[in-house]
Amino acid sequence: MSKGRAGKKVKLGLSSFAFNWAIGVVGQAPATPMTPFNLLTRAASLGVHVVQFGDNLPLHRLAPWELQALAEQAAELNLEIETGTRGIGDEQLSRYIELARSLHSQILRVVVDTAQHWPGEDEIVSKCQHLVYELEQARVCLAIENHDRFKARTLERILERIASRCVGICLDTTNSIGAAEGPEEVFEVLGPWTVNVHLKDFRVRRMNHMMGFIVEGCPAGQGQLDIPWLLAGLRSQGRDPNVIVELWTPPEETLGASVAKEAAWAESSVQYLRTLIPE
């Protein structure tokens, strides 16, 4: 069995999670939140060629005519769409497999947990195996994201049990810190299964009272993530996933300032990554 997919050109992209403040977070929503159409326009202005919609900008809430308009705008801007969702209920994933097919998305990124449901290993394997035929027919690869609950070895075991080239890993460079695993440790295990990358740079600093640490996001290339090492490692393992920029942007005193900050960080991140992923 092939671990994931290879054989295509790596592309740089932007996630809706690069613009959390502009879209709106719990308790703080801009007067005019960023829409899926705005995200496409922003991505095109920054010169990337892929846009991934996460569960903070859920596509299933769009009307059929809006989805069609989104696909047409993406084509006009020479952008590829990647879909994403949260939760592994049969209806949820089947709906998003069809969305991915209709939007010509080769990737469906999923976070298996929701606020109400934290599935165990056996359930994840069973649900994904049940959907393999749908994924194959739609030519979509399900990319399970390493979030912060499962260790890398557990995710590897899940993928081995599913045993389908249509199911791989969305390798997030920072999430597994929450599972007490660093990027090097996670990559060693999950690199061969990687079909999509969420690139978040970060800094770890000790708190002023010296009792504990704070993990904060930063623009790509300005933190502790060794991005050249990561990209070289993927290439050495025959992996060529799209690299999707996400941001953990600490808030400013006002929402407007937070929105402006993440916009500047997105631009800076793309400029830096263009030196490594020229396309």
Protein backbone atom coordinates (compact mmCIF):
# COMPACT_ATOMS: atom_id res chain seq x y z
CA MET A 1 0.00 0.00 0.00
CA SER A 2 1.22 3.49 -0.83
CA LYS A 3 1.42 5.83 2.15
CA GLY A 4 -0.44 8.88 0.87
CA ARG A 5 0.11 10.31 -2.61
CA ALA A 6 3.03 11.78 -4.46
CA GLY A 7 3.95 12.88 -7.97
CA LYS A 8 2.66 16.44 -8.20
CA LYS A 9 4.14 19.90 -7.86
CA VAL A 10 4.08 21.49 -4.40
CA LYS A 11 1.93 24.60 -4.24
CA LEU A 12 1.69 27.31 -1.61
CA GLY A 13 -1.73 28.11 -0.22
CA LEU A 14 -3.65 30.02 2.41
CA SER A 15 -6.09 28.63 4.94
CA SER A 16 -9.15 30.38 6.29
CA PHE A 17 -7.35 29.86 9.62
CA ALA A 18 -4.81 32.46 8.54
CA PHE A 19 -7.58 35.04 8.99
CA ASN A 20 -9.27 34.03 12.23
CA TRP A 21 -9.86 37.59 13.45
CA ALA A 22 -11.17 38.82 10.08
CA ILE A 23 -13.63 35.92 9.91
CA GLY A 24 -14.55 36.18 13.58
CA VAL A 25 -13.86 34.16 16.71
CA VAL A 26 -16.17 33.36 19.60
CA GLY A 27 -17.29 36.61 21.19
CA GLN A 28 -15.51 38.83 18.65
CA ALA A 29 -16.90 39.26 15.16
CA PRO A 30 -16.04 42.13 12.81
CA ALA A 31 -18.85 44.32 11.55
CA THR A 32 -18.21 42.87 8.08
CA PRO A 33 -16.66 39.41 8.47
CA MET A 34 -14.49 37.94 5.72
CA THR A 35 -16.50 35.73 3.36
CA PRO A 36 -15.34 32.77 1.25
CA PHE A 37 -15.30 35.10 -1.76
CA ASN A 38 -13.16 37.63 0.12
CA LEU A 39 -10.72 34.88 1.02
CA LEU A 40 -10.27 33.94 -2.63
CA THR A 41 -9.63 37.57 -3.53
CA ARG A 42 -7.10 37.96 -0.71
CA ALA A 43 -5.26 34.79 -1.74
CA ALA A 44 -5.04 35.93 -5.35
CA SER A 45 -3.71 39.33 -4.27
CA LEU A 46 -0.94 37.58 -2.32
CA GLY A 47 -0.03 35.43 -5.30
CA VAL A 48 -0.79 31.97 -3.94
CA HIS A 49 -2.59 29.29 -5.93
CA VAL A 50 -4.46 27.26 -3.30
CA VAL A 51 -7.13 28.22 -0.77
CA GLN A 52 -8.19 25.82 1.95
CA PHE A 53 -11.53 26.40 3.66
CA GLY A 54 -11.57 25.20 7.25
CA ASP A 55 -14.43 24.78 9.67
CA ASN A 56 -14.26 28.46 10.66
CA LEU A 57 -15.63 29.22 7.18
CA PRO A 58 -17.84 26.16 6.51
CA LEU A 59 -18.77 25.68 2.87
CA HIS A 60 -21.82 23.51 3.55
CA ARG A 61 -23.66 26.61 4.72
CA LEU A 62 -23.49 28.13 1.23
CA ALA A 63 -26.43 27.82 -1.13
CA PRO A 64 -25.88 25.81 -4.33
CA TRP A 65 -25.69 29.00 -6.41
CA GLU A 66 -23.08 30.41 -4.03
CA LEU A 67 -20.95 27.28 -4.34
CA GLN A 68 -21.16 27.57 -8.11
CA ALA A 69 -20.16 31.24 -7.93
CA LEU A 70 -17.27 30.33 -5.63
CA ALA A 71 -16.02 27.70 -8.09
CA GLU A 72 -16.29 30.18 -10.96
CA GLN A 73 -14.40 32.89 -9.03
CA ALA A 74 -11.66 30.42 -8.14
CA ALA A 75 -11.28 29.45 -11.80
CA GLU A 76 -11.12 33.09 -12.87
CA LEU A 77 -8.39 33.76 -10.29
CA ASN A 78 -6.48 30.56 -11.16
CA LEU A 79 -6.97 29.21 -7.64
CA GLU A 80 -7.42 25.65 -6.45
CA ILE A 81 -9.88 25.05 -3.63
CA GLU A 82 -9.24 22.57 -0.83
CA THR A 83 -12.11 21.67 1.46
CA GLY A 84 -12.09 21.07 5.19
CA THR A 85 -14.43 20.20 8.01
CA ARG A 86 -14.66 18.97 11.59
CA GLY A 87 -16.28 15.72 12.76
CA ILE A 88 -16.45 12.25 11.21
CA GLY A 89 -20.17 11.54 11.18
CA ASP A 90 -21.16 9.66 8.01
CA GLU A 91 -23.48 12.42 6.84
CA GLN A 92 -20.92 15.14 7.53
CA LEU A 93 -18.07 13.47 5.68
CA SER A 94 -20.26 12.27 2.81
CA ARG A 95 -21.56 15.81 2.37
CA TYR A 96 -18.01 17.16 2.27
CA ILE A 97 -16.77 14.45 -0.09
CA GLU A 98 -19.46 15.58 -2.51
CA LEU A 99 -18.52 19.23 -1.90
CA ALA A 100 -14.89 18.39 -2.60
CA ARG A 101 -15.84 16.60 -5.81
CA SER A 102 -18.00 19.48 -7.03
CA LEU A 103 -15.25 22.02 -6.27
CA HIS A 104 -12.50 19.83 -7.81
CA SER A 105 -10.76 19.61 -4.45
CA GLN A 106 -8.34 16.70 -4.20
CA ILE A 107 -8.06 17.16 -0.43
CA LEU A 108 -10.64 16.95 2.32
CA ARG A 109 -8.94 17.92 5.57
CA VAL A 110 -10.73 16.79 8.72
CA VAL A 111 -10.35 17.28 12.46
CA VAL A 112 -11.96 14.19 13.94
CA ASP A 113 -13.13 15.82 17.18
CA THR A 114 -16.07 18.14 17.73
CA ALA A 115 -17.10 19.88 20.93
CA GLN A 116 -19.69 17.14 21.49
CA HIS A 117 -17.90 14.05 20.18
CA TRP A 118 -14.38 12.74 20.70
CA PRO A 119 -14.25 9.45 18.77
CA GLY A 120 -11.93 6.65 19.78
CA GLU A 121 -9.46 4.86 17.55
CA ASP A 122 -11.82 2.03 16.58
CA GLU A 123 -14.60 4.43 15.61
CA ILE A 124 -12.28 6.54 13.48
CA VAL A 125 -11.01 3.47 11.64
CA SER A 126 -14.53 2.12 11.08
CA LYS A 127 -15.94 5.45 9.83
CA CYS A 128 -13.05 6.08 7.44
CA GLN A 129 -13.05 2.54 6.05
CA HIS A 130 -16.78 2.90 5.42
CA LEU A 131 -16.09 5.97 3.27
CA VAL A 132 -13.15 4.66 1.24
CA TYR A 133 -15.29 3.79 -1.78
CA GLU A 134 -16.85 7.28 -1.82
CA LEU A 135 -13.40 8.85 -1.59
CA GLU A 136 -12.09 6.70 -4.42
CA GLN A 137 -15.05 7.50 -6.67
CA ALA A 138 -14.70 11.24 -5.98
CA ARG A 139 -10.88 11.11 -6.32
CA VAL A 140 -10.57 12.84 -2.97
CA CYS A 141 -7.94 12.18 -0.30
CA LEU A 142 -9.12 12.45 3.30
CA ALA A 143 -6.41 14.27 5.26
CA ILE A 144 -6.74 13.60 9.00
CA GLU A 145 -5.16 16.46 10.93
CA ASN A 146 -2.92 15.84 13.92
CA HIS A 147 -4.79 18.04 16.36
CA ASP A 148 -3.84 17.83 20.04
CA ARG A 149 -5.43 14.67 21.44
CA PHE A 150 -3.75 11.77 19.67
CA LYS A 151 -0.04 11.03 19.73
CA ALA A 152 1.67 10.59 16.37
CA ARG A 153 2.07 6.84 16.88
CA THR A 154 -1.67 6.51 17.48
CA LEU A 155 -2.43 8.36 14.25
CA GLU A 156 0.05 6.14 12.42
CA ARG A 157 -1.69 3.04 13.76
CA ILE A 158 -5.08 4.42 12.68
CA LEU A 159 -3.81 4.95 9.14
CA GLU A 160 -2.25 1.49 9.00
CA ARG A 161 -5.57 -0.02 10.03
CA ILE A 162 -7.58 2.01 7.51
CA ALA A 163 -5.10 0.86 4.86
CA SER A 164 -6.22 3.11 2.01
CA ARG A 165 -4.20 5.42 -0.20
CA CYS A 166 -7.23 7.73 -0.07
CA VAL A 167 -6.62 8.50 3.62
CA GLY A 168 -3.51 10.28 4.88
CA ILE A 169 -2.31 12.98 7.25
CA CYS A 170 -2.72 16.73 7.24
CA LEU A 171 0.53 17.47 9.05
CA ASP A 172 0.10 20.50 11.30
CA THR A 173 3.48 21.82 12.41
CA THR A 174 2.32 23.12 15.80
CA ASN A 175 -0.81 21.34 17.04
CA SER A 176 0.99 18.34 18.51
CA ILE A 177 2.73 20.54 21.05
CA GLY A 178 -0.59 20.13 22.88
CA ALA A 179 0.10 16.38 22.96
CA ALA A 180 3.63 17.01 24.29
CA GLU A 181 5.26 16.22 20.94
CA GLY A 182 7.49 18.56 18.94
CA PRO A 183 7.64 18.98 15.14
CA GLU A 184 10.67 16.71 14.69
CA GLU A 185 9.08 13.87 16.66
CA VAL A 186 5.79 14.19 14.79
CA PHE A 187 7.44 14.40 11.38
CA GLU A 188 9.53 11.30 11.99
CA VAL A 189 6.34 9.26 12.42
CA LEU A 190 3.82 11.00 10.17
CA GLY A 191 6.01 12.41 7.40
CA PRO A 192 5.54 9.35 5.16
CA TRP A 193 1.76 9.65 5.47
CA THR A 194 1.57 13.38 4.76
CA VAL A 195 -0.75 14.53 1.97
CA ASN A 196 -1.26 18.12 3.16
CA VAL A 197 0.68 20.53 5.40
CA HIS A 198 -0.63 23.20 7.76
CA LEU A 199 2.35 25.45 8.24
CA LYS A 200 2.23 27.49 11.44
CA ASP A 201 5.41 28.98 12.81
CA PHE A 202 5.69 29.54 16.55
CA ARG A 203 7.79 30.71 19.45
CA VAL A 204 8.02 29.20 22.92
CA ARG A 205 8.99 31.56 25.72
CA ARG A 206 9.17 31.25 29.45
CA MET A 207 6.63 33.20 31.48
CA ASN A 208 7.87 36.17 33.50
CA HIS A 209 7.48 34.32 36.80
CA MET A 210 9.56 31.45 35.28
CA MET A 211 6.92 28.84 36.10
CA GLY A 212 5.76 27.58 32.72
CA PHE A 213 5.93 28.49 29.06
CA ILE A 214 3.79 30.32 26.50
CA VAL A 215 3.46 29.05 22.92
CA GLU A 216 2.62 31.84 20.49
CA GLY A 217 2.29 32.07 16.75
CA CYS A 218 4.42 34.29 14.53
CA PRO A 219 4.89 34.92 10.80
CA ALA A 220 6.49 32.07 8.88
CA GLY A 221 10.27 32.23 9.07
CA GLN A 222 10.35 34.29 12.26
CA GLY A 223 9.93 31.53 14.82
CA GLN A 224 11.41 28.26 16.01
CA LEU A 225 10.04 26.03 13.25
CA ASP A 226 12.82 24.90 10.91
CA ILE A 227 10.85 25.28 7.71
CA PRO A 228 13.69 24.47 5.25
CA TRP A 229 14.30 21.24 7.22
CA LEU A 230 10.60 20.34 7.05
CA LEU A 231 10.34 20.88 3.29
CA ALA A 232 13.58 19.03 2.62
CA GLY A 233 12.40 16.15 4.80
CA LEU A 234 9.14 15.84 2.88
CA ARG A 235 11.01 15.80 -0.42
CA SER A 236 13.41 13.14 0.85
CA GLN A 237 10.45 10.91 1.69
CA GLY A 238 8.82 11.40 -1.71
CA ARG A 239 6.11 13.63 -0.29
CA ASP A 240 4.97 16.67 -2.27
CA PRO A 241 1.91 18.03 -0.41
CA ASN A 242 0.56 21.52 -0.81
CA VAL A 243 1.79 23.80 1.98
CA ILE A 244 -1.08 25.74 3.51
CA VAL A 245 -0.32 28.78 5.67
CA GLU A 246 -2.16 29.10 8.96
CA LEU A 247 -1.56 31.66 11.69
CA TRP A 248 -1.91 31.83 15.45
CA THR A 249 -2.04 35.61 15.68
CA PRO A 250 -2.09 36.94 19.27
CA PRO A 251 -4.77 39.62 19.67
CA GLU A 252 -4.13 43.33 19.88
CA GLU A 253 -6.08 45.77 22.04
CA THR A 254 -8.78 46.23 19.41
CA LEU A 255 -10.32 43.81 16.93
CA GLY A 256 -9.41 46.12 14.07
CA ALA A 257 -5.76 46.04 15.10
CA SER A 258 -5.86 42.23 15.34
CA VAL A 259 -7.32 42.00 11.83
CA ALA A 260 -4.62 44.32 10.48
CA LYS A 261 -1.90 42.35 12.27
CA GLU A 262 -2.91 38.99 10.84
CA ALA A 263 -3.15 40.50 7.35
CA ALA A 264 0.43 41.76 7.67
CA TRP A 265 1.54 38.38 9.02
CA ALA A 266 -0.10 36.57 6.11
CA GLU A 267 1.72 38.77 3.61
CA SER A 268 5.04 38.35 5.41
CA SER A 269 4.58 34.57 5.61
CA VAL A 270 3.84 34.26 1.90
CA GLN A 271 6.84 36.43 0.99
CA TYR A 272 9.15 34.27 3.09
CA LEU A 273 7.75 30.94 1.85
CA ARG A 274 8.06 32.11 -1.75
CA THR A 275 11.84 31.89 -1.27
CA LEU A 276 11.41 28.18 -0.48
CA ILE A 277 8.43 27.27 -2.69
CA PRO A 278 8.87 29.34 -5.85
CA GLU A 279 6.39 27.31 -7.98
